[in-house]
Amino acid sequence: MTTEEKKELFIKLGKELFNCDMTGTDFTNSKITNTNLRHADLSDSNLERSYIKCADLYKADLKKAILHQADLQFADLTNINLFNAYLKNAVLSHITIKDIKEK
């Protein structure tokens, strides 16, 4: 599936992306607020300057993801994989965070 096809799928599915494989997708400047991303694979994805407020990222894979200047306010980051993720200048206020994996 190409990056454009993955973006179109995201738009069609709306707020339910539970357990989706979106590896390597370019979500730069995207609005992904109030979305169920539980168990989603976002490894190697570009989420730079994206709005991911109030998203449920429980057990999501963000390995090597680019989250530069991403807004993750109020997101649930429980049990996520952040191995080699780039979080410079990301907004991480009011998040739920525990048991982060780094592998």
PDB file of N, CA and C in Angstrom:
ATOM      1  N   MET A   1       0.851  -1.177   0.000  1.00  0.00           N
ATOM      2  CA  MET A   1       0.000   0.000   0.000  1.00  0.00           C
ATOM      3  C   MET A   1       0.897   1.240   0.000  1.00  0.00           C
ATOM      4  N   THR A   2       0.649   2.163  -0.903  1.00  0.00           N
ATOM      5  CA  THR A   2       1.459   3.374  -0.987  1.00  0.00           C
ATOM      6  C   THR A   2       1.087   4.335   0.137  1.00  0.00           C
ATOM      7  N   THR A   3       1.921   5.339   0.322  1.00  0.00           N
ATOM      8  CA  THR A   3       1.655   6.346   1.342  1.00  0.00           C
ATOM      9  C   THR A   3       0.339   7.054   1.057  1.00  0.00           C
ATOM     10  N   GLU A   4       0.086   7.380  -0.187  1.00  0.00           N
ATOM     11  CA  GLU A   4      -1.161   8.067  -0.536  1.00  0.00           C
ATOM     12  C   GLU A   4      -2.376   7.179  -0.265  1.00  0.00           C
ATOM     13  N   GLU A   5      -2.272   5.896  -0.560  1.00  0.00           N
ATOM     14  CA  GLU A   5      -3.371   4.966  -0.283  1.00  0.00           C
ATOM     15  C   GLU A   5      -3.618   4.858   1.216  1.00  0.00           C
ATOM     16  N   LYS A   6      -2.549   4.860   2.011  1.00  0.00           N
ATOM     17  CA  LYS A   6      -2.686   4.793   3.466  1.00  0.00           C
ATOM     18  C   LYS A   6      -3.361   6.058   3.994  1.00  0.00           C
ATOM     19  N   LYS A   7      -2.995   7.219   3.444  1.00  0.00           N
ATOM     20  CA  LYS A   7      -3.624   8.474   3.868  1.00  0.00           C
ATOM     21  C   LYS A   7      -5.121   8.462   3.532  1.00  0.00           C
ATOM     22  N   GLU A   8      -5.460   7.989   2.331  1.00  0.00           N
ATOM     23  CA  GLU A   8      -6.863   7.908   1.932  1.00  0.00           C
ATOM     24  C   GLU A   8      -7.633   6.960   2.849  1.00  0.00           C
ATOM     25  N   LEU A   9      -7.017   5.834   3.196  1.00  0.00           N
ATOM     26  CA  LEU A   9      -7.634   4.888   4.116  1.00  0.00           C
ATOM     27  C   LEU A   9      -7.897   5.553   5.458  1.00  0.00           C
ATOM     28  N   PHE A  10      -6.931   6.317   5.940  1.00  0.00           N
ATOM     29  CA  PHE A  10      -7.080   7.025   7.204  1.00  0.00           C
ATOM     30  C   PHE A  10      -8.283   7.956   7.158  1.00  0.00           C
ATOM     31  N   ILE A  11      -8.419   8.700   6.068  1.00  0.00           N
ATOM     32  CA  ILE A  11      -9.534   9.641   5.933  1.00  0.00           C
ATOM     33  C   ILE A  11     -10.863   8.892   5.892  1.00  0.00           C
ATOM     34  N   LYS A  12     -10.911   7.781   5.177  1.00  0.00           N
ATOM     35  CA  LYS A  12     -12.147   7.002   5.052  1.00  0.00           C
ATOM     36  C   LYS A  12     -12.556   6.356   6.380  1.00  0.00           C
ATOM     37  N   LEU A  13     -11.584   5.851   7.120  1.00  0.00           N
ATOM     38  CA  LEU A  13     -11.880   5.162   8.365  1.00  0.00           C
ATOM     39  C   LEU A  13     -12.220   6.113   9.499  1.00  0.00           C
ATOM     40  N   GLY A  14     -11.785   7.344   9.377  1.00  0.00           N
ATOM     41  CA  GLY A  14     -12.091   8.326  10.407  1.00  0.00           C
ATOM     42  C   GLY A  14     -11.313   8.094  11.676  1.00  0.00           C
ATOM     43  N   LYS A  15     -11.993   7.819  12.753  1.00  0.00           N
ATOM     44  CA  LYS A  15     -11.374   7.801  14.071  1.00  0.00           C
ATOM     45  C   LYS A  15     -11.026   6.414  14.596  1.00  0.00           C
ATOM     46  N   GLU A  16     -11.260   5.359  13.848  1.00  0.00           N
ATOM     47  CA  GLU A  16     -10.978   4.003  14.315  1.00  0.00           C
ATOM     48  C   GLU A  16      -9.868   3.366  13.478  1.00  0.00           C
ATOM     49  N   LEU A  17      -8.662   3.389  13.992  1.00  0.00           N
ATOM     50  CA  LEU A  17      -7.519   2.802  13.295  1.00  0.00           C
ATOM     51  C   LEU A  17      -6.839   1.764  14.165  1.00  0.00           C
ATOM     52  N   PHE A  18      -7.625   1.066  14.955  1.00  0.00           N
ATOM     53  CA  PHE A  18      -7.150   0.032  15.853  1.00  0.00           C
ATOM     54  C   PHE A  18      -6.402  -1.040  15.065  1.00  0.00           C
ATOM     55  N   ASN A  19      -5.175  -1.350  15.497  1.00  0.00           N
ATOM     56  CA  ASN A  19      -4.387  -2.446  14.951  1.00  0.00           C
ATOM     57  C   ASN A  19      -4.053  -2.302  13.460  1.00  0.00           C
ATOM     58  N   CYS A  20      -4.008  -1.092  12.936  1.00  0.00           N
ATOM     59  CA  CYS A  20      -3.689  -0.863  11.515  1.00  0.00           C
ATOM     60  C   CYS A  20      -2.184  -0.809  11.302  1.00  0.00           C
ATOM     61  N   ASP A  21      -1.753  -1.293  10.145  1.00  0.00           N
ATOM     62  CA  ASP A  21      -0.346  -1.199   9.752  1.00  0.00           C
ATOM     63  C   ASP A  21      -0.179   0.022   8.859  1.00  0.00           C
ATOM     64  N   MET A  22       0.425   1.063   9.419  1.00  0.00           N
ATOM     65  CA  MET A  22       0.672   2.302   8.683  1.00  0.00           C
ATOM     66  C   MET A  22       2.165   2.603   8.649  1.00  0.00           C
ATOM     67  N   THR A  23       2.961   1.551   8.609  1.00  0.00           N
ATOM     68  CA  THR A  23       4.413   1.668   8.608  1.00  0.00           C
ATOM     69  C   THR A  23       4.877   2.578   7.483  1.00  0.00           C
ATOM     70  N   GLY A  24       5.735   3.539   7.821  1.00  0.00           N
ATOM     71  CA  GLY A  24       6.358   4.395   6.823  1.00  0.00           C
ATOM     72  C   GLY A  24       5.456   5.443   6.194  1.00  0.00           C
ATOM     73  N   THR A  25       4.272   5.648   6.734  1.00  0.00           N
ATOM     74  CA  THR A  25       3.339   6.623   6.161  1.00  0.00           C
ATOM     75  C   THR A  25       3.754   8.045   6.510  1.00  0.00           C
ATOM     76  N   ASP A  26       3.579   8.965   5.572  1.00  0.00           N
ATOM     77  CA  ASP A  26       3.896  10.373   5.800  1.00  0.00           C
ATOM     78  C   ASP A  26       2.620  11.095   6.239  1.00  0.00           C
ATOM     79  N   PHE A  27       2.543  11.400   7.530  1.00  0.00           N
ATOM     80  CA  PHE A  27       1.408  12.115   8.097  1.00  0.00           C
ATOM     81  C   PHE A  27       1.793  13.553   8.461  1.00  0.00           C
ATOM     82  N   THR A  28       2.799  14.109   7.815  1.00  0.00           N
ATOM     83  CA  THR A  28       3.253  15.462   8.120  1.00  0.00           C
ATOM     84  C   THR A  28       2.069  16.434   8.082  1.00  0.00           C
ATOM     85  N   ASN A  29       1.949  17.253   9.126  1.00  0.00           N
ATOM     86  CA  ASN A  29       0.893  18.271   9.252  1.00  0.00           C
ATOM     87  C   ASN A  29      -0.527  17.693   9.274  1.00  0.00           C
ATOM     88  N   SER A  30      -0.684  16.430   9.614  1.00  0.00           N
ATOM     89  CA  SER A  30      -2.014  15.812   9.648  1.00  0.00           C
ATOM     90  C   SER A  30      -2.725  16.083  10.969  1.00  0.00           C
ATOM     91  N   LYS A  31      -4.030  15.982  10.936  1.00  0.00           N
ATOM     92  CA  LYS A  31      -4.841  16.137  12.143  1.00  0.00           C
ATOM     93  C   LYS A  31      -5.389  14.758  12.501  1.00  0.00           C
ATOM     94  N   ILE A  32      -4.872  14.184  13.592  1.00  0.00           N
ATOM     95  CA  ILE A  32      -5.230  12.825  14.014  1.00  0.00           C
ATOM     96  C   ILE A  32      -5.744  12.898  15.454  1.00  0.00           C
ATOM     97  N   THR A  33      -6.632  13.819  15.737  1.00  0.00           N
ATOM     98  CA  THR A  33      -7.106  14.022  17.100  1.00  0.00           C
ATOM     99  C   THR A  33      -8.232  13.052  17.443  1.00  0.00           C
ATOM    100  N   ASN A  34      -8.331  12.717  18.727  1.00  0.00           N
ATOM    101  CA  ASN A  34      -9.392  11.835  19.247  1.00  0.00           C
ATOM    102  C   ASN A  34      -9.511  10.534  18.457  1.00  0.00           C
ATOM    103  N   THR A  35      -8.394   9.957  18.096  1.00  0.00           N
ATOM    104  CA  THR A  35      -8.383   8.758  17.253  1.00  0.00           C
ATOM    105  C   THR A  35      -7.931   7.534  18.031  1.00  0.00           C
ATOM    106  N   ASN A  36      -8.554   6.389  17.767  1.00  0.00           N
ATOM    107  CA  ASN A  36      -8.161   5.131  18.368  1.00  0.00           C
ATOM    108  C   ASN A  36      -7.046   4.530  17.523  1.00  0.00           C
ATOM    109  N   LEU A  37      -5.816   4.627  18.013  1.00  0.00           N
ATOM    110  CA  LEU A  37      -4.644   4.073  17.339  1.00  0.00           C
ATOM    111  C   LEU A  37      -4.037   2.944  18.170  1.00  0.00           C
ATOM    112  N   ARG A  38      -4.859   2.297  18.990  1.00  0.00           N
ATOM    113  CA  ARG A  38      -4.371   1.182  19.819  1.00  0.00           C
ATOM    114  C   ARG A  38      -3.759   0.103  18.939  1.00  0.00           C
ATOM    115  N   HIS A  39      -2.586  -0.348  19.320  1.00  0.00           N
ATOM    116  CA  HIS A  39      -1.865  -1.426  18.629  1.00  0.00           C
ATOM    117  C   HIS A  39      -1.495  -1.078  17.187  1.00  0.00           C
ATOM    118  N   ALA A  40      -1.623   0.165  16.772  1.00  0.00           N
ATOM    119  CA  ALA A  40      -1.282   0.557  15.397  1.00  0.00           C
ATOM    120  C   ALA A  40       0.230   0.545  15.198  1.00  0.00           C
ATOM    121  N   ASP A  41       0.644   0.172  14.012  1.00  0.00           N
ATOM    122  CA  ASP A  41       2.073   0.192  13.669  1.00  0.00           C
ATOM    123  C   ASP A  41       2.361   1.449  12.867  1.00  0.00           C
ATOM    124  N   LEU A  42       2.984   2.419  13.533  1.00  0.00           N
ATOM    125  CA  LEU A  42       3.369   3.679  12.915  1.00  0.00           C
ATOM    126  C   LEU A  42       4.889   3.786  12.840  1.00  0.00           C
ATOM    127  N   SER A  43       5.564   2.649  12.881  1.00  0.00           N
ATOM    128  CA  SER A  43       7.022   2.672  12.844  1.00  0.00           C
ATOM    129  C   SER A  43       7.501   3.273  11.518  1.00  0.00           C
ATOM    130  N   ASP A  44       8.584   4.013  11.599  1.00  0.00           N
ATOM    131  CA  ASP A  44       9.195   4.691  10.443  1.00  0.00           C
ATOM    132  C   ASP A  44       8.272   5.719   9.791  1.00  0.00           C
ATOM    133  N   SER A  45       7.200   6.115  10.461  1.00  0.00           N
ATOM    134  CA  SER A  45       6.276   7.105   9.907  1.00  0.00           C
ATOM    135  C   SER A  45       6.731   8.518  10.239  1.00  0.00           C
ATOM    136  N   ASN A  46       6.325   9.455   9.393  1.00  0.00           N
ATOM    137  CA  ASN A  46       6.631  10.856   9.625  1.00  0.00           C
ATOM    138  C   ASN A  46       5.363  11.542  10.129  1.00  0.00           C
ATOM    139  N   LEU A  47       5.378  11.928  11.400  1.00  0.00           N
ATOM    140  CA  LEU A  47       4.251  12.607  12.034  1.00  0.00           C
ATOM    141  C   LEU A  47       4.649  14.033  12.430  1.00  0.00           C
ATOM    142  N   GLU A  48       5.616  14.573  11.713  1.00  0.00           N
ATOM    143  CA  GLU A  48       6.129  15.908  12.016  1.00  0.00           C
ATOM    144  C   GLU A  48       5.015  16.952  11.923  1.00  0.00           C
ATOM    145  N   ARG A  49       4.940  17.792  12.941  1.00  0.00           N
ATOM    146  CA  ARG A  49       3.960  18.868  13.046  1.00  0.00           C
ATOM    147  C   ARG A  49       2.507  18.385  12.960  1.00  0.00           C
ATOM    148  N   SER A  50       2.259  17.131  13.308  1.00  0.00           N
ATOM    149  CA  SER A  50       0.894  16.595  13.297  1.00  0.00           C
ATOM    150  C   SER A  50       0.198  16.879  14.622  1.00  0.00           C
ATOM    151  N   TYR A  51      -1.113  16.978  14.574  1.00  0.00           N
ATOM    152  CA  TYR A  51      -1.929  17.160  15.771  1.00  0.00           C
ATOM    153  C   TYR A  51      -2.490  15.793  16.138  1.00  0.00           C
ATOM    154  N   ILE A  52      -1.982  15.243  17.248  1.00  0.00           N
ATOM    155  CA  ILE A  52      -2.363  13.903  17.680  1.00  0.00           C
ATOM    156  C   ILE A  52      -3.000  13.999  19.073  1.00  0.00           C
ATOM    157  N   LYS A  53      -3.631  15.133  19.336  1.00  0.00           N
ATOM    158  CA  LYS A  53      -4.237  15.391  20.638  1.00  0.00           C
ATOM    159  C   LYS A  53      -5.297  14.353  20.972  1.00  0.00           C
ATOM    160  N   CYS A  54      -5.317  13.957  22.229  1.00  0.00           N
ATOM    161  CA  CYS A  54      -6.334  13.054  22.780  1.00  0.00           C
ATOM    162  C   CYS A  54      -6.395  11.707  22.068  1.00  0.00           C
ATOM    163  N   ALA A  55      -5.367  11.318  21.354  1.00  0.00           N
ATOM    164  CA  ALA A  55      -5.359  10.025  20.656  1.00  0.00           C
ATOM    165  C   ALA A  55      -5.043   8.902  21.642  1.00  0.00           C
ATOM    166  N   ASP A  56      -5.578   7.732  21.372  1.00  0.00           N
ATOM    167  CA  ASP A  56      -5.305   6.547  22.176  1.00  0.00           C
ATOM    168  C   ASP A  56      -4.248   5.726  21.436  1.00  0.00           C
ATOM    169  N   LEU A  57      -3.009   5.809  21.901  1.00  0.00           N
ATOM    170  CA  LEU A  57      -1.886   5.121  21.270  1.00  0.00           C
ATOM    171  C   LEU A  57      -1.429   3.920  22.094  1.00  0.00           C
ATOM    172  N   TYR A  58      -2.308   3.362  22.905  1.00  0.00           N
ATOM    173  CA  TYR A  58      -1.977   2.231  23.760  1.00  0.00           C
ATOM    174  C   TYR A  58      -1.341   1.111  22.922  1.00  0.00           C
ATOM    175  N   LYS A  59      -0.139   0.701  23.318  1.00  0.00           N
ATOM    176  CA  LYS A  59       0.631  -0.360  22.664  1.00  0.00           C
ATOM    177  C   LYS A  59       0.906  -0.105  21.180  1.00  0.00           C
ATOM    178  N   ALA A  60       0.920   1.161  20.778  1.00  0.00           N
ATOM    179  CA  ALA A  60       1.263   1.489  19.387  1.00  0.00           C
ATOM    180  C   ALA A  60       2.771   1.382  19.191  1.00  0.00           C
ATOM    181  N   ASP A  61       3.171   1.112  17.969  1.00  0.00           N
ATOM    182  CA  ASP A  61       4.590   1.017  17.627  1.00  0.00           C
ATOM    183  C   ASP A  61       5.003   2.293  16.909  1.00  0.00           C
ATOM    184  N   LEU A  62       5.788   3.123  17.592  1.00  0.00           N
ATOM    185  CA  LEU A  62       6.294   4.369  17.026  1.00  0.00           C
ATOM    186  C   LEU A  62       7.807   4.304  16.856  1.00  0.00           C
ATOM    187  N   LYS A  63       8.315   3.095  16.689  1.00  0.00           N
ATOM    188  CA  LYS A  63       9.749   2.886  16.523  1.00  0.00           C
ATOM    189  C   LYS A  63      10.236   3.665  15.293  1.00  0.00           C
ATOM    190  N   LYS A  64      11.264   4.485  15.500  1.00  0.00           N
ATOM    191  CA  LYS A  64      11.886   5.299  14.451  1.00  0.00           C
ATOM    192  C   LYS A  64      10.929   6.316  13.820  1.00  0.00           C
ATOM    193  N   ALA A  65       9.818   6.604  14.480  1.00  0.00           N
ATOM    194  CA  ALA A  65       8.873   7.600  13.964  1.00  0.00           C
ATOM    195  C   ALA A  65       9.422   9.007  14.196  1.00  0.00           C
ATOM    196  N   ILE A  66       9.090   9.907  13.294  1.00  0.00           N
ATOM    197  CA  ILE A  66       9.488  11.313  13.427  1.00  0.00           C
ATOM    198  C   ILE A  66       8.290  12.057  14.000  1.00  0.00           C
ATOM    199  N   LEU A  67       8.453  12.542  15.226  1.00  0.00           N
ATOM    200  CA  LEU A  67       7.396  13.270  15.922  1.00  0.00           C
ATOM    201  C   LEU A  67       7.841  14.698  16.246  1.00  0.00           C
ATOM    202  N   HIS A  68       8.732  15.229  15.432  1.00  0.00           N
ATOM    203  CA  HIS A  68       9.256  16.586  15.622  1.00  0.00           C
ATOM    204  C   HIS A  68       8.102  17.589  15.573  1.00  0.00           C
ATOM    205  N   GLN A  69       7.949  18.362  16.609  1.00  0.00           N
ATOM    206  CA  GLN A  69       6.916  19.387  16.760  1.00  0.00           C
ATOM    207  C   GLN A  69       5.487  18.822  16.700  1.00  0.00           C
ATOM    208  N   ALA A  70       5.323  17.532  16.941  1.00  0.00           N
ATOM    209  CA  ALA A  70       3.982  16.941  16.977  1.00  0.00           C
ATOM    210  C   ALA A  70       3.288  17.336  18.285  1.00  0.00           C
ATOM    211  N   ASP A  71       1.994  17.521  18.222  1.00  0.00           N
ATOM    212  CA  ASP A  71       1.209  17.884  19.394  1.00  0.00           C
ATOM    213  C   ASP A  71       0.486  16.640  19.904  1.00  0.00           C
ATOM    214  N   LEU A  72       0.979  16.100  21.017  1.00  0.00           N
ATOM    215  CA  LEU A  72       0.439  14.869  21.601  1.00  0.00           C
ATOM    216  C   LEU A  72      -0.292  15.144  22.918  1.00  0.00           C
ATOM    217  N   GLN A  73      -0.759  16.359  23.131  1.00  0.00           N
ATOM    218  CA  GLN A  73      -1.425  16.691  24.386  1.00  0.00           C
ATOM    219  C   GLN A  73      -2.582  15.737  24.674  1.00  0.00           C
ATOM    220  N   PHE A  74      -2.679  15.314  25.920  1.00  0.00           N
ATOM    221  CA  PHE A  74      -3.750  14.457  26.422  1.00  0.00           C
ATOM    222  C   PHE A  74      -3.794  13.067  25.769  1.00  0.00           C
ATOM    223  N   ALA A  75      -2.753  12.675  25.065  1.00  0.00           N
ATOM    224  CA  ALA A  75      -2.721  11.353  24.427  1.00  0.00           C
ATOM    225  C   ALA A  75      -2.366  10.270  25.437  1.00  0.00           C
ATOM    226  N   ASP A  76      -2.834   9.051  25.177  1.00  0.00           N
ATOM    227  CA  ASP A  76      -2.481   7.898  25.999  1.00  0.00           C
ATOM    228  C   ASP A  76      -1.315   7.188  25.328  1.00  0.00           C
ATOM    229  N   LEU A  77      -0.151   7.249  25.960  1.00  0.00           N
ATOM    230  CA  LEU A  77       1.059   6.645  25.412  1.00  0.00           C
ATOM    231  C   LEU A  77       1.475   5.413  26.211  1.00  0.00           C
ATOM    232  N   THR A  78       0.531   4.754  26.831  1.00  0.00           N
ATOM    233  CA  THR A  78       0.814   3.573  27.639  1.00  0.00           C
ATOM    234  C   THR A  78       1.311   2.421  26.768  1.00  0.00           C
ATOM    235  N   ASN A  79       2.427   1.817  27.190  1.00  0.00           N
ATOM    236  CA  ASN A  79       3.013   0.649  26.522  1.00  0.00           C
ATOM    237  C   ASN A  79       3.410   0.880  25.067  1.00  0.00           C
ATOM    238  N   ILE A  80       3.716   2.115  24.672  1.00  0.00           N
ATOM    239  CA  ILE A  80       4.115   2.336  23.283  1.00  0.00           C
ATOM    240  C   ILE A  80       5.598   2.051  23.094  1.00  0.00           C
ATOM    241  N   ASN A  81       5.985   1.802  21.876  1.00  0.00           N
ATOM    242  CA  ASN A  81       7.379   1.580  21.519  1.00  0.00           C
ATOM    243  C   ASN A  81       7.922   2.871  20.911  1.00  0.00           C
ATOM    244  N   LEU A  82       8.854   3.509  21.617  1.00  0.00           N
ATOM    245  CA  LEU A  82       9.459   4.759  21.144  1.00  0.00           C
ATOM    246  C   LEU A  82      10.942   4.581  20.802  1.00  0.00           C
ATOM    247  N   PHE A  83      11.357   3.367  20.510  1.00  0.00           N
ATOM    248  CA  PHE A  83      12.764   3.105  20.205  1.00  0.00           C
ATOM    249  C   PHE A  83      13.199   3.947  19.005  1.00  0.00           C
ATOM    250  N   ASN A  84      14.202   4.775  19.204  1.00  0.00           N
ATOM    251  CA  ASN A  84      14.763   5.658  18.177  1.00  0.00           C
ATOM    252  C   ASN A  84      13.742   6.629  17.571  1.00  0.00           C
ATOM    253  N   ALA A  85      12.669   6.918  18.280  1.00  0.00           N
ATOM    254  CA  ALA A  85      11.710   7.925  17.810  1.00  0.00           C
ATOM    255  C   ALA A  85      12.310   9.312  18.032  1.00  0.00           C
ATOM    256  N   TYR A  86      11.995  10.239  17.144  1.00  0.00           N
ATOM    257  CA  TYR A  86      12.513  11.602  17.213  1.00  0.00           C
ATOM    258  C   TYR A  86      11.401  12.506  17.732  1.00  0.00           C
ATOM    259  N   LEU A  87      11.582  13.007  18.960  1.00  0.00           N
ATOM    260  CA  LEU A  87      10.536  13.776  19.636  1.00  0.00           C
ATOM    261  C   LEU A  87      10.928  15.232  19.916  1.00  0.00           C
ATOM    262  N   LYS A  88      11.913  15.745  19.224  1.00  0.00           N
ATOM    263  CA  LYS A  88      12.367  17.103  19.497  1.00  0.00           C
ATOM    264  C   LYS A  88      11.215  18.105  19.320  1.00  0.00           C
ATOM    265  N   ASN A  89      11.028  18.937  20.329  1.00  0.00           N
ATOM    266  CA  ASN A  89       9.997  19.982  20.358  1.00  0.00           C
ATOM    267  C   ASN A  89       8.564  19.449  20.282  1.00  0.00           C
ATOM    268  N   ALA A  90       8.361  18.186  20.587  1.00  0.00           N
ATOM    269  CA  ALA A  90       6.996  17.645  20.628  1.00  0.00           C
ATOM    270  C   ALA A  90       6.288  18.173  21.882  1.00  0.00           C
ATOM    271  N   VAL A  91       4.999  18.384  21.784  1.00  0.00           N
ATOM    272  CA  VAL A  91       4.200  18.856  22.916  1.00  0.00           C
ATOM    273  C   VAL A  91       3.654  17.618  23.631  1.00  0.00           C
ATOM    274  N   LEU A  92       4.116  17.411  24.857  1.00  0.00           N
ATOM    275  CA  LEU A  92       3.769  16.206  25.611  1.00  0.00           C
ATOM    276  C   LEU A  92       3.065  16.522  26.930  1.00  0.00           C
ATOM    277  N   SER A  93       2.354  17.620  26.985  1.00  0.00           N
ATOM    278  CA  SER A  93       1.683  17.976  28.238  1.00  0.00           C
ATOM    279  C   SER A  93       0.398  17.181  28.416  1.00  0.00           C
ATOM    280  N   HIS A  94       0.120  16.843  29.657  1.00  0.00           N
ATOM    281  CA  HIS A  94      -1.108  16.140  30.060  1.00  0.00           C
ATOM    282  C   HIS A  94      -1.254  14.763  29.412  1.00  0.00           C
ATOM    283  N   ILE A  95      -0.167  14.078  29.161  1.00  0.00           N
ATOM    284  CA  ILE A  95      -0.251  12.752  28.556  1.00  0.00           C
ATOM    285  C   ILE A  95      -0.323  11.672  29.629  1.00  0.00           C
ATOM    286  N   THR A  96      -0.833  10.514  29.249  1.00  0.00           N
ATOM    287  CA  THR A  96      -0.783   9.323  30.096  1.00  0.00           C
ATOM    288  C   THR A  96       0.370   8.505  29.557  1.00  0.00           C
ATOM    289  N   ILE A  97       1.354   8.248  30.426  1.00  0.00           N
ATOM    290  CA  ILE A  97       2.544   7.563  29.937  1.00  0.00           C
ATOM    291  C   ILE A  97       3.058   6.603  30.991  1.00  0.00           C
ATOM    292  N   LYS A  98       3.204   5.342  30.608  1.00  0.00           N
ATOM    293  CA  LYS A  98       3.826   4.345  31.492  1.00  0.00           C
ATOM    294  C   LYS A  98       4.200   3.137  30.658  1.00  0.00           C
ATOM    295  N   ASP A  99       5.165   2.409  31.170  1.00  0.00           N
ATOM    296  CA  ASP A  99       5.637   1.179  30.524  1.00  0.00           C
ATOM    297  C   ASP A  99       6.027   1.373  29.058  1.00  0.00           C
ATOM    298  N   ILE A 100       6.845   2.383  28.807  1.00  0.00           N
ATOM    299  CA  ILE A 100       7.327   2.626  27.440  1.00  0.00           C
ATOM    300  C   ILE A 100       8.381   1.589  27.076  1.00  0.00           C
ATOM    301  N   LYS A 101       8.271   1.065  25.868  1.00  0.00           N
ATOM    302  CA  LYS A 101       9.246   0.103  25.369  1.00  0.00           C
ATOM    303  C   LYS A 101      10.296   0.862  24.565  1.00  0.00           C
ATOM    304  N   GLU A 102      11.525   0.408  24.675  1.00  0.00           N
ATOM    305  CA  GLU A 102      12.610   1.030  23.931  1.00  0.00           C
ATOM    306  C   GLU A 102      13.405  -0.020  23.202  1.00  0.00           C
ATOM    307  N   LYS A 103      12.739  -0.851  22.444  1.00  0.00           N
ATOM    308  CA  LYS A 103      13.396  -1.917  21.687  1.00  0.00           C
ATOM    309  C   LYS A 103      12.799  -2.007  20.309  1.00  0.00           C
TER     310      LYS A 103
END
